[in-house]
Amino acid sequence: ATFVFTVKDSRGNTRTQTVTKTLI
């Protein structure tokens, strides 16, 4: 149920966000 979103920009900066959802 864990999804990791990652974004990188032209200056090499990286941002990561983890989202956990309820699975059925």
PDBML (XML) file of the C-alpha atoms, coordinates in Angstrom:
<?xml version="1.0" encoding="UTF-8" ?>
<PDBx:datablock datablockName="MODEL"
   xmlns:PDBx="http://pdbml.pdb.org/schema/pdbx-v50.xsd"
   xmlns:xsi="http://www.w3.org/2001/XMLSchema-instance"
   xsi:schemaLocation="http://pdbml.pdb.org/schema/pdbx-v50.xsd pdbx-v50.xsd">
   <PDBx:atom_siteCategory>
      <PDBx:atom_site id="1">
         <PDBx:B_iso_or_equiv>0.00</PDBx:B_iso_or_equiv>
         <PDBx:Cartn_x>0.000</PDBx:Cartn_x>
         <PDBx:Cartn_y>0.000</PDBx:Cartn_y>
         <PDBx:Cartn_z>0.000</PDBx:Cartn_z>
         <PDBx:auth_asym_id>A</PDBx:auth_asym_id>
         <PDBx:auth_atom_id>CA</PDBx:auth_atom_id>
         <PDBx:auth_comp_id>ALA</PDBx:auth_comp_id>
         <PDBx:auth_seq_id>1</PDBx:auth_seq_id>
         <PDBx:group_PDB>ATOM</PDBx:group_PDB>
         <PDBx:label_alt_id xsi:nil="true" />
         <PDBx:label_asym_id>A</PDBx:label_asym_id>
         <PDBx:label_atom_id>CA</PDBx:label_atom_id>
         <PDBx:label_comp_id>ALA</PDBx:label_comp_id>
         <PDBx:label_entity_id>1</PDBx:label_entity_id>
         <PDBx:label_seq_id>1</PDBx:label_seq_id>
         <PDBx:occupancy>1.00</PDBx:occupancy>
         <PDBx:pdbx_PDB_model_num>1</PDBx:pdbx_PDB_model_num>
         <PDBx:type_symbol>C</PDBx:type_symbol>
      </PDBx:atom_site>
      <PDBx:atom_site id="2">
         <PDBx:B_iso_or_equiv>0.00</PDBx:B_iso_or_equiv>
         <PDBx:Cartn_x>3.056</PDBx:Cartn_x>
         <PDBx:Cartn_y>2.276</PDBx:Cartn_y>
         <PDBx:Cartn_z>-0.134</PDBx:Cartn_z>
         <PDBx:auth_asym_id>A</PDBx:auth_asym_id>
         <PDBx:auth_atom_id>CA</PDBx:auth_atom_id>
         <PDBx:auth_comp_id>THR</PDBx:auth_comp_id>
         <PDBx:auth_seq_id>2</PDBx:auth_seq_id>
         <PDBx:group_PDB>ATOM</PDBx:group_PDB>
         <PDBx:label_alt_id xsi:nil="true" />
         <PDBx:label_asym_id>A</PDBx:label_asym_id>
         <PDBx:label_atom_id>CA</PDBx:label_atom_id>
         <PDBx:label_comp_id>THR</PDBx:label_comp_id>
         <PDBx:label_entity_id>1</PDBx:label_entity_id>
         <PDBx:label_seq_id>2</PDBx:label_seq_id>
         <PDBx:occupancy>1.00</PDBx:occupancy>
         <PDBx:pdbx_PDB_model_num>1</PDBx:pdbx_PDB_model_num>
         <PDBx:type_symbol>C</PDBx:type_symbol>
      </PDBx:atom_site>
      <PDBx:atom_site id="3">
         <PDBx:B_iso_or_equiv>0.00</PDBx:B_iso_or_equiv>
         <PDBx:Cartn_x>3.722</PDBx:Cartn_x>
         <PDBx:Cartn_y>4.504</PDBx:Cartn_y>
         <PDBx:Cartn_z>-3.147</PDBx:Cartn_z>
         <PDBx:auth_asym_id>A</PDBx:auth_asym_id>
         <PDBx:auth_atom_id>CA</PDBx:auth_atom_id>
         <PDBx:auth_comp_id>PHE</PDBx:auth_comp_id>
         <PDBx:auth_seq_id>3</PDBx:auth_seq_id>
         <PDBx:group_PDB>ATOM</PDBx:group_PDB>
         <PDBx:label_alt_id xsi:nil="true" />
         <PDBx:label_asym_id>A</PDBx:label_asym_id>
         <PDBx:label_atom_id>CA</PDBx:label_atom_id>
         <PDBx:label_comp_id>PHE</PDBx:label_comp_id>
         <PDBx:label_entity_id>1</PDBx:label_entity_id>
         <PDBx:label_seq_id>3</PDBx:label_seq_id>
         <PDBx:occupancy>1.00</PDBx:occupancy>
         <PDBx:pdbx_PDB_model_num>1</PDBx:pdbx_PDB_model_num>
         <PDBx:type_symbol>C</PDBx:type_symbol>
      </PDBx:atom_site>
      <PDBx:atom_site id="4">
         <PDBx:B_iso_or_equiv>0.00</PDBx:B_iso_or_equiv>
         <PDBx:Cartn_x>6.882</PDBx:Cartn_x>
         <PDBx:Cartn_y>6.622</PDBx:Cartn_y>
         <PDBx:Cartn_z>-3.412</PDBx:Cartn_z>
         <PDBx:auth_asym_id>A</PDBx:auth_asym_id>
         <PDBx:auth_atom_id>CA</PDBx:auth_atom_id>
         <PDBx:auth_comp_id>VAL</PDBx:auth_comp_id>
         <PDBx:auth_seq_id>4</PDBx:auth_seq_id>
         <PDBx:group_PDB>ATOM</PDBx:group_PDB>
         <PDBx:label_alt_id xsi:nil="true" />
         <PDBx:label_asym_id>A</PDBx:label_asym_id>
         <PDBx:label_atom_id>CA</PDBx:label_atom_id>
         <PDBx:label_comp_id>VAL</PDBx:label_comp_id>
         <PDBx:label_entity_id>1</PDBx:label_entity_id>
         <PDBx:label_seq_id>4</PDBx:label_seq_id>
         <PDBx:occupancy>1.00</PDBx:occupancy>
         <PDBx:pdbx_PDB_model_num>1</PDBx:pdbx_PDB_model_num>
         <PDBx:type_symbol>C</PDBx:type_symbol>
      </PDBx:atom_site>
      <PDBx:atom_site id="5">
         <PDBx:B_iso_or_equiv>0.00</PDBx:B_iso_or_equiv>
         <PDBx:Cartn_x>6.741</PDBx:Cartn_x>
         <PDBx:Cartn_y>9.689</PDBx:Cartn_y>
         <PDBx:Cartn_z>-5.676</PDBx:Cartn_z>
         <PDBx:auth_asym_id>A</PDBx:auth_asym_id>
         <PDBx:auth_atom_id>CA</PDBx:auth_atom_id>
         <PDBx:auth_comp_id>PHE</PDBx:auth_comp_id>
         <PDBx:auth_seq_id>5</PDBx:auth_seq_id>
         <PDBx:group_PDB>ATOM</PDBx:group_PDB>
         <PDBx:label_alt_id xsi:nil="true" />
         <PDBx:label_asym_id>A</PDBx:label_asym_id>
         <PDBx:label_atom_id>CA</PDBx:label_atom_id>
         <PDBx:label_comp_id>PHE</PDBx:label_comp_id>
         <PDBx:label_entity_id>1</PDBx:label_entity_id>
         <PDBx:label_seq_id>5</PDBx:label_seq_id>
         <PDBx:occupancy>1.00</PDBx:occupancy>
         <PDBx:pdbx_PDB_model_num>1</PDBx:pdbx_PDB_model_num>
         <PDBx:type_symbol>C</PDBx:type_symbol>
      </PDBx:atom_site>
      <PDBx:atom_site id="6">
         <PDBx:B_iso_or_equiv>0.00</PDBx:B_iso_or_equiv>
         <PDBx:Cartn_x>10.065</PDBx:Cartn_x>
         <PDBx:Cartn_y>11.263</PDBx:Cartn_y>
         <PDBx:Cartn_z>-6.705</PDBx:Cartn_z>
         <PDBx:auth_asym_id>A</PDBx:auth_asym_id>
         <PDBx:auth_atom_id>CA</PDBx:auth_atom_id>
         <PDBx:auth_comp_id>THR</PDBx:auth_comp_id>
         <PDBx:auth_seq_id>6</PDBx:auth_seq_id>
         <PDBx:group_PDB>ATOM</PDBx:group_PDB>
         <PDBx:label_alt_id xsi:nil="true" />
         <PDBx:label_asym_id>A</PDBx:label_asym_id>
         <PDBx:label_atom_id>CA</PDBx:label_atom_id>
         <PDBx:label_comp_id>THR</PDBx:label_comp_id>
         <PDBx:label_entity_id>1</PDBx:label_entity_id>
         <PDBx:label_seq_id>6</PDBx:label_seq_id>
         <PDBx:occupancy>1.00</PDBx:occupancy>
         <PDBx:pdbx_PDB_model_num>1</PDBx:pdbx_PDB_model_num>
         <PDBx:type_symbol>C</PDBx:type_symbol>
      </PDBx:atom_site>
      <PDBx:atom_site id="7">
         <PDBx:B_iso_or_equiv>0.00</PDBx:B_iso_or_equiv>
         <PDBx:Cartn_x>10.713</PDBx:Cartn_x>
         <PDBx:Cartn_y>14.465</PDBx:Cartn_y>
         <PDBx:Cartn_z>-8.672</PDBx:Cartn_z>
         <PDBx:auth_asym_id>A</PDBx:auth_asym_id>
         <PDBx:auth_atom_id>CA</PDBx:auth_atom_id>
         <PDBx:auth_comp_id>VAL</PDBx:auth_comp_id>
         <PDBx:auth_seq_id>7</PDBx:auth_seq_id>
         <PDBx:group_PDB>ATOM</PDBx:group_PDB>
         <PDBx:label_alt_id xsi:nil="true" />
         <PDBx:label_asym_id>A</PDBx:label_asym_id>
         <PDBx:label_atom_id>CA</PDBx:label_atom_id>
         <PDBx:label_comp_id>VAL</PDBx:label_comp_id>
         <PDBx:label_entity_id>1</PDBx:label_entity_id>
         <PDBx:label_seq_id>7</PDBx:label_seq_id>
         <PDBx:occupancy>1.00</PDBx:occupancy>
         <PDBx:pdbx_PDB_model_num>1</PDBx:pdbx_PDB_model_num>
         <PDBx:type_symbol>C</PDBx:type_symbol>
      </PDBx:atom_site>
      <PDBx:atom_site id="8">
         <PDBx:B_iso_or_equiv>0.00</PDBx:B_iso_or_equiv>
         <PDBx:Cartn_x>14.079</PDBx:Cartn_x>
         <PDBx:Cartn_y>15.831</PDBx:Cartn_y>
         <PDBx:Cartn_z>-9.765</PDBx:Cartn_z>
         <PDBx:auth_asym_id>A</PDBx:auth_asym_id>
         <PDBx:auth_atom_id>CA</PDBx:auth_atom_id>
         <PDBx:auth_comp_id>LYS</PDBx:auth_comp_id>
         <PDBx:auth_seq_id>8</PDBx:auth_seq_id>
         <PDBx:group_PDB>ATOM</PDBx:group_PDB>
         <PDBx:label_alt_id xsi:nil="true" />
         <PDBx:label_asym_id>A</PDBx:label_asym_id>
         <PDBx:label_atom_id>CA</PDBx:label_atom_id>
         <PDBx:label_comp_id>LYS</PDBx:label_comp_id>
         <PDBx:label_entity_id>1</PDBx:label_entity_id>
         <PDBx:label_seq_id>8</PDBx:label_seq_id>
         <PDBx:occupancy>1.00</PDBx:occupancy>
         <PDBx:pdbx_PDB_model_num>1</PDBx:pdbx_PDB_model_num>
         <PDBx:type_symbol>C</PDBx:type_symbol>
      </PDBx:atom_site>
      <PDBx:atom_site id="9">
         <PDBx:B_iso_or_equiv>0.00</PDBx:B_iso_or_equiv>
         <PDBx:Cartn_x>14.786</PDBx:Cartn_x>
         <PDBx:Cartn_y>19.291</PDBx:Cartn_y>
         <PDBx:Cartn_z>-11.184</PDBx:Cartn_z>
         <PDBx:auth_asym_id>A</PDBx:auth_asym_id>
         <PDBx:auth_atom_id>CA</PDBx:auth_atom_id>
         <PDBx:auth_comp_id>ASP</PDBx:auth_comp_id>
         <PDBx:auth_seq_id>9</PDBx:auth_seq_id>
         <PDBx:group_PDB>ATOM</PDBx:group_PDB>
         <PDBx:label_alt_id xsi:nil="true" />
         <PDBx:label_asym_id>A</PDBx:label_asym_id>
         <PDBx:label_atom_id>CA</PDBx:label_atom_id>
         <PDBx:label_comp_id>ASP</PDBx:label_comp_id>
         <PDBx:label_entity_id>1</PDBx:label_entity_id>
         <PDBx:label_seq_id>9</PDBx:label_seq_id>
         <PDBx:occupancy>1.00</PDBx:occupancy>
         <PDBx:pdbx_PDB_model_num>1</PDBx:pdbx_PDB_model_num>
         <PDBx:type_symbol>C</PDBx:type_symbol>
      </PDBx:atom_site>
      <PDBx:atom_site id="10">
         <PDBx:B_iso_or_equiv>0.00</PDBx:B_iso_or_equiv>
         <PDBx:Cartn_x>17.445</PDBx:Cartn_x>
         <PDBx:Cartn_y>20.696</PDBx:Cartn_y>
         <PDBx:Cartn_z>-13.511</PDBx:Cartn_z>
         <PDBx:auth_asym_id>A</PDBx:auth_asym_id>
         <PDBx:auth_atom_id>CA</PDBx:auth_atom_id>
         <PDBx:auth_comp_id>SER</PDBx:auth_comp_id>
         <PDBx:auth_seq_id>10</PDBx:auth_seq_id>
         <PDBx:group_PDB>ATOM</PDBx:group_PDB>
         <PDBx:label_alt_id xsi:nil="true" />
         <PDBx:label_asym_id>A</PDBx:label_asym_id>
         <PDBx:label_atom_id>CA</PDBx:label_atom_id>
         <PDBx:label_comp_id>SER</PDBx:label_comp_id>
         <PDBx:label_entity_id>1</PDBx:label_entity_id>
         <PDBx:label_seq_id>10</PDBx:label_seq_id>
         <PDBx:occupancy>1.00</PDBx:occupancy>
         <PDBx:pdbx_PDB_model_num>1</PDBx:pdbx_PDB_model_num>
         <PDBx:type_symbol>C</PDBx:type_symbol>
      </PDBx:atom_site>
      <PDBx:atom_site id="11">
         <PDBx:B_iso_or_equiv>0.00</PDBx:B_iso_or_equiv>
         <PDBx:Cartn_x>19.575</PDBx:Cartn_x>
         <PDBx:Cartn_y>21.814</PDBx:Cartn_y>
         <PDBx:Cartn_z>-10.556</PDBx:Cartn_z>
         <PDBx:auth_asym_id>A</PDBx:auth_asym_id>
         <PDBx:auth_atom_id>CA</PDBx:auth_atom_id>
         <PDBx:auth_comp_id>ARG</PDBx:auth_comp_id>
         <PDBx:auth_seq_id>11</PDBx:auth_seq_id>
         <PDBx:group_PDB>ATOM</PDBx:group_PDB>
         <PDBx:label_alt_id xsi:nil="true" />
         <PDBx:label_asym_id>A</PDBx:label_asym_id>
         <PDBx:label_atom_id>CA</PDBx:label_atom_id>
         <PDBx:label_comp_id>ARG</PDBx:label_comp_id>
         <PDBx:label_entity_id>1</PDBx:label_entity_id>
         <PDBx:label_seq_id>11</PDBx:label_seq_id>
         <PDBx:occupancy>1.00</PDBx:occupancy>
         <PDBx:pdbx_PDB_model_num>1</PDBx:pdbx_PDB_model_num>
         <PDBx:type_symbol>C</PDBx:type_symbol>
      </PDBx:atom_site>
      <PDBx:atom_site id="12">
         <PDBx:B_iso_or_equiv>0.00</PDBx:B_iso_or_equiv>
         <PDBx:Cartn_x>19.782</PDBx:Cartn_x>
         <PDBx:Cartn_y>18.277</PDBx:Cartn_y>
         <PDBx:Cartn_z>-9.174</PDBx:Cartn_z>
         <PDBx:auth_asym_id>A</PDBx:auth_asym_id>
         <PDBx:auth_atom_id>CA</PDBx:auth_atom_id>
         <PDBx:auth_comp_id>GLY</PDBx:auth_comp_id>
         <PDBx:auth_seq_id>12</PDBx:auth_seq_id>
         <PDBx:group_PDB>ATOM</PDBx:group_PDB>
         <PDBx:label_alt_id xsi:nil="true" />
         <PDBx:label_asym_id>A</PDBx:label_asym_id>
         <PDBx:label_atom_id>CA</PDBx:label_atom_id>
         <PDBx:label_comp_id>GLY</PDBx:label_comp_id>
         <PDBx:label_entity_id>1</PDBx:label_entity_id>
         <PDBx:label_seq_id>12</PDBx:label_seq_id>
         <PDBx:occupancy>1.00</PDBx:occupancy>
         <PDBx:pdbx_PDB_model_num>1</PDBx:pdbx_PDB_model_num>
         <PDBx:type_symbol>C</PDBx:type_symbol>
      </PDBx:atom_site>
      <PDBx:atom_site id="13">
         <PDBx:B_iso_or_equiv>0.00</PDBx:B_iso_or_equiv>
         <PDBx:Cartn_x>17.320</PDBx:Cartn_x>
         <PDBx:Cartn_y>18.859</PDBx:Cartn_y>
         <PDBx:Cartn_z>-6.337</PDBx:Cartn_z>
         <PDBx:auth_asym_id>A</PDBx:auth_asym_id>
         <PDBx:auth_atom_id>CA</PDBx:auth_atom_id>
         <PDBx:auth_comp_id>ASN</PDBx:auth_comp_id>
         <PDBx:auth_seq_id>13</PDBx:auth_seq_id>
         <PDBx:group_PDB>ATOM</PDBx:group_PDB>
         <PDBx:label_alt_id xsi:nil="true" />
         <PDBx:label_asym_id>A</PDBx:label_asym_id>
         <PDBx:label_atom_id>CA</PDBx:label_atom_id>
         <PDBx:label_comp_id>ASN</PDBx:label_comp_id>
         <PDBx:label_entity_id>1</PDBx:label_entity_id>
         <PDBx:label_seq_id>13</PDBx:label_seq_id>
         <PDBx:occupancy>1.00</PDBx:occupancy>
         <PDBx:pdbx_PDB_model_num>1</PDBx:pdbx_PDB_model_num>
         <PDBx:type_symbol>C</PDBx:type_symbol>
      </PDBx:atom_site>
      <PDBx:atom_site id="14">
         <PDBx:B_iso_or_equiv>0.00</PDBx:B_iso_or_equiv>
         <PDBx:Cartn_x>15.170</PDBx:Cartn_x>
         <PDBx:Cartn_y>15.837</PDBx:Cartn_y>
         <PDBx:Cartn_z>-5.533</PDBx:Cartn_z>
         <PDBx:auth_asym_id>A</PDBx:auth_asym_id>
         <PDBx:auth_atom_id>CA</PDBx:auth_atom_id>
         <PDBx:auth_comp_id>THR</PDBx:auth_comp_id>
         <PDBx:auth_seq_id>14</PDBx:auth_seq_id>
         <PDBx:group_PDB>ATOM</PDBx:group_PDB>
         <PDBx:label_alt_id xsi:nil="true" />
         <PDBx:label_asym_id>A</PDBx:label_asym_id>
         <PDBx:label_atom_id>CA</PDBx:label_atom_id>
         <PDBx:label_comp_id>THR</PDBx:label_comp_id>
         <PDBx:label_entity_id>1</PDBx:label_entity_id>
         <PDBx:label_seq_id>14</PDBx:label_seq_id>
         <PDBx:occupancy>1.00</PDBx:occupancy>
         <PDBx:pdbx_PDB_model_num>1</PDBx:pdbx_PDB_model_num>
         <PDBx:type_symbol>C</PDBx:type_symbol>
      </PDBx:atom_site>
      <PDBx:atom_site id="15">
         <PDBx:B_iso_or_equiv>0.00</PDBx:B_iso_or_equiv>
         <PDBx:Cartn_x>11.903</PDBx:Cartn_x>
         <PDBx:Cartn_y>15.716</PDBx:Cartn_y>
         <PDBx:Cartn_z>-3.614</PDBx:Cartn_z>
         <PDBx:auth_asym_id>A</PDBx:auth_asym_id>
         <PDBx:auth_atom_id>CA</PDBx:auth_atom_id>
         <PDBx:auth_comp_id>ARG</PDBx:auth_comp_id>
         <PDBx:auth_seq_id>15</PDBx:auth_seq_id>
         <PDBx:group_PDB>ATOM</PDBx:group_PDB>
         <PDBx:label_alt_id xsi:nil="true" />
         <PDBx:label_asym_id>A</PDBx:label_asym_id>
         <PDBx:label_atom_id>CA</PDBx:label_atom_id>
         <PDBx:label_comp_id>ARG</PDBx:label_comp_id>
         <PDBx:label_entity_id>1</PDBx:label_entity_id>
         <PDBx:label_seq_id>15</PDBx:label_seq_id>
         <PDBx:occupancy>1.00</PDBx:occupancy>
         <PDBx:pdbx_PDB_model_num>1</PDBx:pdbx_PDB_model_num>
         <PDBx:type_symbol>C</PDBx:type_symbol>
      </PDBx:atom_site>
      <PDBx:atom_site id="16">
         <PDBx:B_iso_or_equiv>0.00</PDBx:B_iso_or_equiv>
         <PDBx:Cartn_x>10.362</PDBx:Cartn_x>
         <PDBx:Cartn_y>12.454</PDBx:Cartn_y>
         <PDBx:Cartn_z>-2.484</PDBx:Cartn_z>
         <PDBx:auth_asym_id>A</PDBx:auth_asym_id>
         <PDBx:auth_atom_id>CA</PDBx:auth_atom_id>
         <PDBx:auth_comp_id>THR</PDBx:auth_comp_id>
         <PDBx:auth_seq_id>16</PDBx:auth_seq_id>
         <PDBx:group_PDB>ATOM</PDBx:group_PDB>
         <PDBx:label_alt_id xsi:nil="true" />
         <PDBx:label_asym_id>A</PDBx:label_asym_id>
         <PDBx:label_atom_id>CA</PDBx:label_atom_id>
         <PDBx:label_comp_id>THR</PDBx:label_comp_id>
         <PDBx:label_entity_id>1</PDBx:label_entity_id>
         <PDBx:label_seq_id>16</PDBx:label_seq_id>
         <PDBx:occupancy>1.00</PDBx:occupancy>
         <PDBx:pdbx_PDB_model_num>1</PDBx:pdbx_PDB_model_num>
         <PDBx:type_symbol>C</PDBx:type_symbol>
      </PDBx:atom_site>
      <PDBx:atom_site id="17">
         <PDBx:B_iso_or_equiv>0.00</PDBx:B_iso_or_equiv>
         <PDBx:Cartn_x>6.944</PDBx:Cartn_x>
         <PDBx:Cartn_y>11.903</PDBx:Cartn_y>
         <PDBx:Cartn_z>-0.955</PDBx:Cartn_z>
         <PDBx:auth_asym_id>A</PDBx:auth_asym_id>
         <PDBx:auth_atom_id>CA</PDBx:auth_atom_id>
         <PDBx:auth_comp_id>GLN</PDBx:auth_comp_id>
         <PDBx:auth_seq_id>17</PDBx:auth_seq_id>
         <PDBx:group_PDB>ATOM</PDBx:group_PDB>
         <PDBx:label_alt_id xsi:nil="true" />
         <PDBx:label_asym_id>A</PDBx:label_asym_id>
         <PDBx:label_atom_id>CA</PDBx:label_atom_id>
         <PDBx:label_comp_id>GLN</PDBx:label_comp_id>
         <PDBx:label_entity_id>1</PDBx:label_entity_id>
         <PDBx:label_seq_id>17</PDBx:label_seq_id>
         <PDBx:occupancy>1.00</PDBx:occupancy>
         <PDBx:pdbx_PDB_model_num>1</PDBx:pdbx_PDB_model_num>
         <PDBx:type_symbol>C</PDBx:type_symbol>
      </PDBx:atom_site>
      <PDBx:atom_site id="18">
         <PDBx:B_iso_or_equiv>0.00</PDBx:B_iso_or_equiv>
         <PDBx:Cartn_x>5.615</PDBx:Cartn_x>
         <PDBx:Cartn_y>8.602</PDBx:Cartn_y>
         <PDBx:Cartn_z>0.357</PDBx:Cartn_z>
         <PDBx:auth_asym_id>A</PDBx:auth_asym_id>
         <PDBx:auth_atom_id>CA</PDBx:auth_atom_id>
         <PDBx:auth_comp_id>THR</PDBx:auth_comp_id>
         <PDBx:auth_seq_id>18</PDBx:auth_seq_id>
         <PDBx:group_PDB>ATOM</PDBx:group_PDB>
         <PDBx:label_alt_id xsi:nil="true" />
         <PDBx:label_asym_id>A</PDBx:label_asym_id>
         <PDBx:label_atom_id>CA</PDBx:label_atom_id>
         <PDBx:label_comp_id>THR</PDBx:label_comp_id>
         <PDBx:label_entity_id>1</PDBx:label_entity_id>
         <PDBx:label_seq_id>18</PDBx:label_seq_id>
         <PDBx:occupancy>1.00</PDBx:occupancy>
         <PDBx:pdbx_PDB_model_num>1</PDBx:pdbx_PDB_model_num>
         <PDBx:type_symbol>C</PDBx:type_symbol>
      </PDBx:atom_site>
      <PDBx:atom_site id="19">
         <PDBx:B_iso_or_equiv>0.00</PDBx:B_iso_or_equiv>
         <PDBx:Cartn_x>1.878</PDBx:Cartn_x>
         <PDBx:Cartn_y>7.919</PDBx:Cartn_y>
         <PDBx:Cartn_z>0.331</PDBx:Cartn_z>
         <PDBx:auth_asym_id>A</PDBx:auth_asym_id>
         <PDBx:auth_atom_id>CA</PDBx:auth_atom_id>
         <PDBx:auth_comp_id>VAL</PDBx:auth_comp_id>
         <PDBx:auth_seq_id>19</PDBx:auth_seq_id>
         <PDBx:group_PDB>ATOM</PDBx:group_PDB>
         <PDBx:label_alt_id xsi:nil="true" />
         <PDBx:label_asym_id>A</PDBx:label_asym_id>
         <PDBx:label_atom_id>CA</PDBx:label_atom_id>
         <PDBx:label_comp_id>VAL</PDBx:label_comp_id>
         <PDBx:label_entity_id>1</PDBx:label_entity_id>
         <PDBx:label_seq_id>19</PDBx:label_seq_id>
         <PDBx:occupancy>1.00</PDBx:occupancy>
         <PDBx:pdbx_PDB_model_num>1</PDBx:pdbx_PDB_model_num>
         <PDBx:type_symbol>C</PDBx:type_symbol>
      </PDBx:atom_site>
      <PDBx:atom_site id="20">
         <PDBx:B_iso_or_equiv>0.00</PDBx:B_iso_or_equiv>
         <PDBx:Cartn_x>0.309</PDBx:Cartn_x>
         <PDBx:Cartn_y>4.914</PDBx:Cartn_y>
         <PDBx:Cartn_z>2.033</PDBx:Cartn_z>
         <PDBx:auth_asym_id>A</PDBx:auth_asym_id>
         <PDBx:auth_atom_id>CA</PDBx:auth_atom_id>
         <PDBx:auth_comp_id>THR</PDBx:auth_comp_id>
         <PDBx:auth_seq_id>20</PDBx:auth_seq_id>
         <PDBx:group_PDB>ATOM</PDBx:group_PDB>
         <PDBx:label_alt_id xsi:nil="true" />
         <PDBx:label_asym_id>A</PDBx:label_asym_id>
         <PDBx:label_atom_id>CA</PDBx:label_atom_id>
         <PDBx:label_comp_id>THR</PDBx:label_comp_id>
         <PDBx:label_entity_id>1</PDBx:label_entity_id>
         <PDBx:label_seq_id>20</PDBx:label_seq_id>
         <PDBx:occupancy>1.00</PDBx:occupancy>
         <PDBx:pdbx_PDB_model_num>1</PDBx:pdbx_PDB_model_num>
         <PDBx:type_symbol>C</PDBx:type_symbol>
      </PDBx:atom_site>
      <PDBx:atom_site id="21">
         <PDBx:B_iso_or_equiv>0.00</PDBx:B_iso_or_equiv>
         <PDBx:Cartn_x>-3.219</PDBx:Cartn_x>
         <PDBx:Cartn_y>3.841</PDBx:Cartn_y>
         <PDBx:Cartn_z>1.093</PDBx:Cartn_z>
         <PDBx:auth_asym_id>A</PDBx:auth_asym_id>
         <PDBx:auth_atom_id>CA</PDBx:auth_atom_id>
         <PDBx:auth_comp_id>LYS</PDBx:auth_comp_id>
         <PDBx:auth_seq_id>21</PDBx:auth_seq_id>
         <PDBx:group_PDB>ATOM</PDBx:group_PDB>
         <PDBx:label_alt_id xsi:nil="true" />
         <PDBx:label_asym_id>A</PDBx:label_asym_id>
         <PDBx:label_atom_id>CA</PDBx:label_atom_id>
         <PDBx:label_comp_id>LYS</PDBx:label_comp_id>
         <PDBx:label_entity_id>1</PDBx:label_entity_id>
         <PDBx:label_seq_id>21</PDBx:label_seq_id>
         <PDBx:occupancy>1.00</PDBx:occupancy>
         <PDBx:pdbx_PDB_model_num>1</PDBx:pdbx_PDB_model_num>
         <PDBx:type_symbol>C</PDBx:type_symbol>
      </PDBx:atom_site>
      <PDBx:atom_site id="22">
         <PDBx:B_iso_or_equiv>0.00</PDBx:B_iso_or_equiv>
         <PDBx:Cartn_x>-5.610</PDBx:Cartn_x>
         <PDBx:Cartn_y>1.264</PDBx:Cartn_y>
         <PDBx:Cartn_z>2.484</PDBx:Cartn_z>
         <PDBx:auth_asym_id>A</PDBx:auth_asym_id>
         <PDBx:auth_atom_id>CA</PDBx:auth_atom_id>
         <PDBx:auth_comp_id>THR</PDBx:auth_comp_id>
         <PDBx:auth_seq_id>22</PDBx:auth_seq_id>
         <PDBx:group_PDB>ATOM</PDBx:group_PDB>
         <PDBx:label_alt_id xsi:nil="true" />
         <PDBx:label_asym_id>A</PDBx:label_asym_id>
         <PDBx:label_atom_id>CA</PDBx:label_atom_id>
         <PDBx:label_comp_id>THR</PDBx:label_comp_id>
         <PDBx:label_entity_id>1</PDBx:label_entity_id>
         <PDBx:label_seq_id>22</PDBx:label_seq_id>
         <PDBx:occupancy>1.00</PDBx:occupancy>
         <PDBx:pdbx_PDB_model_num>1</PDBx:pdbx_PDB_model_num>
         <PDBx:type_symbol>C</PDBx:type_symbol>
      </PDBx:atom_site>
      <PDBx:atom_site id="23">
         <PDBx:B_iso_or_equiv>0.00</PDBx:B_iso_or_equiv>
         <PDBx:Cartn_x>-5.848</PDBx:Cartn_x>
         <PDBx:Cartn_y>-1.837</PDBx:Cartn_y>
         <PDBx:Cartn_z>0.314</PDBx:Cartn_z>
         <PDBx:auth_asym_id>A</PDBx:auth_asym_id>
         <PDBx:auth_atom_id>CA</PDBx:auth_atom_id>
         <PDBx:auth_comp_id>LEU</PDBx:auth_comp_id>
         <PDBx:auth_seq_id>23</PDBx:auth_seq_id>
         <PDBx:group_PDB>ATOM</PDBx:group_PDB>
         <PDBx:label_alt_id xsi:nil="true" />
         <PDBx:label_asym_id>A</PDBx:label_asym_id>
         <PDBx:label_atom_id>CA</PDBx:label_atom_id>
         <PDBx:label_comp_id>LEU</PDBx:label_comp_id>
         <PDBx:label_entity_id>1</PDBx:label_entity_id>
         <PDBx:label_seq_id>23</PDBx:label_seq_id>
         <PDBx:occupancy>1.00</PDBx:occupancy>
         <PDBx:pdbx_PDB_model_num>1</PDBx:pdbx_PDB_model_num>
         <PDBx:type_symbol>C</PDBx:type_symbol>
      </PDBx:atom_site>
      <PDBx:atom_site id="24">
         <PDBx:B_iso_or_equiv>0.00</PDBx:B_iso_or_equiv>
         <PDBx:Cartn_x>-8.970</PDBx:Cartn_x>
         <PDBx:Cartn_y>-3.969</PDBx:Cartn_y>
         <PDBx:Cartn_z>0.077</PDBx:Cartn_z>
         <PDBx:auth_asym_id>A</PDBx:auth_asym_id>
         <PDBx:auth_atom_id>CA</PDBx:auth_atom_id>
         <PDBx:auth_comp_id>ILE</PDBx:auth_comp_id>
         <PDBx:auth_seq_id>24</PDBx:auth_seq_id>
         <PDBx:group_PDB>ATOM</PDBx:group_PDB>
         <PDBx:label_alt_id xsi:nil="true" />
         <PDBx:label_asym_id>A</PDBx:label_asym_id>
         <PDBx:label_atom_id>CA</PDBx:label_atom_id>
         <PDBx:label_comp_id>ILE</PDBx:label_comp_id>
         <PDBx:label_entity_id>1</PDBx:label_entity_id>
         <PDBx:label_seq_id>24</PDBx:label_seq_id>
         <PDBx:occupancy>1.00</PDBx:occupancy>
         <PDBx:pdbx_PDB_model_num>1</PDBx:pdbx_PDB_model_num>
         <PDBx:type_symbol>C</PDBx:type_symbol>
      </PDBx:atom_site>
   </PDBx:atom_siteCategory>
</PDBx:datablock>
